[in-house]
Structures are given as C-alpha cells and as structure tokens.
Amino acid sequence: MKTNKPKFKTEAQEREFWGKHDSADYIDWKKAKKVTLSNLKPSSKTISIRLPEIVLEELKMLANKRDVPYQSLLKIFLAERIAEELRNKSAA
C-alpha cells in the first residue's frame, strides 16, 4: 500500500485520478468504519411541467425505441441542450 495520499486542486483532477487508480493502493479498507448518512438530501428536485399531448406521446415513443423511461430520456435531452447552449454561449 502506498503511503503518499494524493492531493488535488480540483474535483475534476480527483475524479480523473480515481478513474485510473485503485483506492486500495492508498487506503487501508480493513480499518474503515461503516457510517450512515441519514441527512443526505436527494440531488434531484421534483417539478411539474405541462407539455402538449403530441410532444409527450412522441417523447414516449422515442423512449420506448431506446428502452428507457420517458422521464429519463427527457432529462438526457435537457442536459444535452443545456450543454449545447453553454458551449455556444462561451464560443460567442
């Protein structure tokens, strides 16, 4: 086990590091203690949105073709569009 614990300037650096390294090389998991994080809040928020019926039906059809729930597909579409808008904004 390596004793030098890595230090990171950003969360992105840490994420990249742990994606390529095994934590067992840096942490003695035999000494770990189980904890309960009872006060965690969900990272998503429930909203209500009105959509034209045809839009909802087409969304469900597309989701069915991909074998995913339509709510999940809607989240993917929204995330992709937001990322696109942010890229366009930074390019302008």
C-alpha atoms as a PDB file:
ATOM      1  CA  MET A   1       0.000   0.000   0.000  1.00  0.00           C
ATOM      2  CA  LYS A   2       1.309   3.437  -0.949  1.00  0.00           C
ATOM      3  CA  THR A   3       1.548   5.894   1.910  1.00  0.00           C
ATOM      4  CA  ASN A   4       1.522   9.138  -0.084  1.00  0.00           C
ATOM      5  CA  LYS A   5      -2.073  10.224  -0.248  1.00  0.00           C
ATOM      6  CA  PRO A   6      -2.700  12.198  -3.444  1.00  0.00           C
ATOM      7  CA  LYS A   7      -3.738  15.844  -3.233  1.00  0.00           C
ATOM      8  CA  PHE A   8      -5.890  17.548  -5.821  1.00  0.00           C
ATOM      9  CA  LYS A   9      -6.510  21.161  -6.785  1.00  0.00           C
ATOM     10  CA  THR A  10      -9.884  20.447  -8.348  1.00  0.00           C
ATOM     11  CA  GLU A  11     -12.634  17.863  -8.162  1.00  0.00           C
ATOM     12  CA  ALA A  12     -12.061  17.131 -11.850  1.00  0.00           C
ATOM     13  CA  GLN A  13      -8.427  16.204 -11.165  1.00  0.00           C
ATOM     14  CA  GLU A  14      -9.514  13.924  -8.346  1.00  0.00           C
ATOM     15  CA  ARG A  15     -12.206  12.279 -10.479  1.00  0.00           C
ATOM     16  CA  GLU A  16      -9.693  11.619 -13.258  1.00  0.00           C
ATOM     17  CA  PHE A  17      -7.129  10.209 -10.812  1.00  0.00           C
ATOM     18  CA  TRP A  18      -9.549   7.788  -9.131  1.00  0.00           C
ATOM     19  CA  GLY A  19     -10.819   6.696 -12.530  1.00  0.00           C
ATOM     20  CA  LYS A  20      -7.341   5.335 -13.238  1.00  0.00           C
ATOM     21  CA  HIS A  21      -6.183   4.188  -9.780  1.00  0.00           C
ATOM     22  CA  ASP A  22      -7.327   1.675  -7.195  1.00  0.00           C
ATOM     23  CA  SER A  23      -8.187   3.197  -3.819  1.00  0.00           C
ATOM     24  CA  ALA A  24      -6.880   0.043  -2.111  1.00  0.00           C
ATOM     25  CA  ASP A  25      -3.388   1.258  -3.021  1.00  0.00           C
ATOM     26  CA  TYR A  26      -3.912   4.332  -0.832  1.00  0.00           C
ATOM     27  CA  ILE A  27      -6.491   3.362   1.802  1.00  0.00           C
ATOM     28  CA  ASP A  28      -6.480   0.509   4.295  1.00  0.00           C
ATOM     29  CA  TRP A  29     -10.110  -0.559   3.909  1.00  0.00           C
ATOM     30  CA  LYS A  30      -9.754  -3.031   6.812  1.00  0.00           C
ATOM     31  CA  LYS A  31      -9.708  -0.022   9.143  1.00  0.00           C
ATOM     32  CA  ALA A  32     -12.765   1.591   7.567  1.00  0.00           C
ATOM     33  CA  LYS A  33     -15.879   2.089   9.669  1.00  0.00           C
ATOM     34  CA  LYS A  34     -19.427   1.863   8.361  1.00  0.00           C
ATOM     35  CA  VAL A  35     -21.375   5.121   8.618  1.00  0.00           C
ATOM     36  CA  THR A  36     -24.944   6.131   7.929  1.00  0.00           C
ATOM     37  CA  LEU A  37     -25.518   9.416   6.130  1.00  0.00           C
ATOM     38  CA  SER A  38     -29.073   9.975   7.255  1.00  0.00           C
ATOM     39  CA  ASN A  39     -29.307  13.697   6.481  1.00  0.00           C
ATOM     40  CA  LEU A  40     -28.486  13.455   2.780  1.00  0.00           C
ATOM     41  CA  LYS A  41     -30.939  15.179   0.507  1.00  0.00           C
ATOM     42  CA  PRO A  42     -31.734  13.929  -2.988  1.00  0.00           C
ATOM     43  CA  SER A  43     -29.791  15.688  -5.711  1.00  0.00           C
ATOM     44  CA  SER A  44     -32.846  15.984  -7.904  1.00  0.00           C
ATOM     45  CA  LYS A  45     -35.964  18.041  -7.435  1.00  0.00           C
ATOM     46  CA  THR A  46     -39.457  17.085  -8.486  1.00  0.00           C
ATOM     47  CA  ILE A  47     -41.147  19.545 -10.831  1.00  0.00           C
ATOM     48  CA  SER A  48     -44.375  19.686 -12.760  1.00  0.00           C
ATOM     49  CA  ILE A  49     -44.376  20.646 -16.425  1.00  0.00           C
ATOM     50  CA  ARG A  50     -47.214  20.957 -18.912  1.00  0.00           C
ATOM     51  CA  LEU A  51     -46.473  19.568 -22.362  1.00  0.00           C
ATOM     52  CA  PRO A  52     -48.653  19.345 -25.421  1.00  0.00           C
ATOM     53  CA  GLU A  53     -50.017  15.789 -25.673  1.00  0.00           C
ATOM     54  CA  ILE A  54     -48.331  15.200 -29.021  1.00  0.00           C
ATOM     55  CA  VAL A  55     -44.932  16.143 -27.571  1.00  0.00           C
ATOM     56  CA  LEU A  56     -45.412  13.754 -24.670  1.00  0.00           C
ATOM     57  CA  GLU A  57     -46.546  10.933 -26.962  1.00  0.00           C
ATOM     58  CA  GLU A  58     -43.564  11.443 -29.274  1.00  0.00           C
ATOM     59  CA  LEU A  59     -41.227  11.523 -26.292  1.00  0.00           C
ATOM     60  CA  LYS A  60     -42.693   8.251 -25.028  1.00  0.00           C
ATOM     61  CA  MET A  61     -42.325   6.714 -28.491  1.00  0.00           C
ATOM     62  CA  LEU A  62     -38.651   7.727 -28.680  1.00  0.00           C
ATOM     63  CA  ALA A  63     -38.039   6.454 -25.157  1.00  0.00           C
ATOM     64  CA  ASN A  64     -39.697   3.148 -25.988  1.00  0.00           C
ATOM     65  CA  LYS A  65     -37.395   2.715 -29.007  1.00  0.00           C
ATOM     66  CA  ARG A  66     -34.393   3.268 -26.710  1.00  0.00           C
ATOM     67  CA  ASP A  67     -35.863   1.104 -23.951  1.00  0.00           C
ATOM     68  CA  VAL A  68     -35.605   3.852 -21.318  1.00  0.00           C
ATOM     69  CA  PRO A  69     -38.260   5.601 -19.221  1.00  0.00           C
ATOM     70  CA  TYR A  70     -39.521   8.747 -20.921  1.00  0.00           C
ATOM     71  CA  GLN A  71     -38.650  10.885 -17.888  1.00  0.00           C
ATOM     72  CA  SER A  72     -35.036   9.709 -18.156  1.00  0.00           C
ATOM     73  CA  LEU A  73     -34.940  10.481 -21.857  1.00  0.00           C
ATOM     74  CA  LEU A  74     -36.343  13.943 -21.186  1.00  0.00           C
ATOM     75  CA  LYS A  75     -33.559  14.551 -18.629  1.00  0.00           C
ATOM     76  CA  ILE A  76     -30.970  13.435 -21.187  1.00  0.00           C
ATOM     77  CA  PHE A  77     -32.428  15.745 -23.849  1.00  0.00           C
ATOM     78  CA  LEU A  78     -32.488  18.685 -21.436  1.00  0.00           C
ATOM     79  CA  ALA A  79     -28.918  18.082 -20.258  1.00  0.00           C
ATOM     80  CA  GLU A  80     -27.651  17.814 -23.857  1.00  0.00           C
ATOM     81  CA  ARG A  81     -29.416  21.007 -24.897  1.00  0.00           C
ATOM     82  CA  ILE A  82     -28.181  22.931 -21.859  1.00  0.00           C
ATOM     83  CA  ALA A  83     -24.603  21.798 -22.586  1.00  0.00           C
ATOM     84  CA  GLU A  84     -25.013  22.894 -26.219  1.00  0.00           C
ATOM     85  CA  GLU A  85     -26.336  26.300 -25.193  1.00  0.00           C
ATOM     86  CA  LEU A  86     -23.462  26.783 -22.748  1.00  0.00           C
ATOM     87  CA  ARG A  87     -20.903  25.811 -25.423  1.00  0.00           C
ATOM     88  CA  ASN A  88     -22.488  28.249 -27.870  1.00  0.00           C
ATOM     89  CA  LYS A  89     -22.512  30.996 -25.262  1.00  0.00           C
ATOM     90  CA  SER A  90     -18.821  30.523 -24.458  1.00  0.00           C
ATOM     91  CA  ALA A  91     -17.925  30.433 -28.178  1.00  0.00           C
ATOM     92  CA  ALA A  92     -19.681  33.740 -28.823  1.00  0.00           C
END
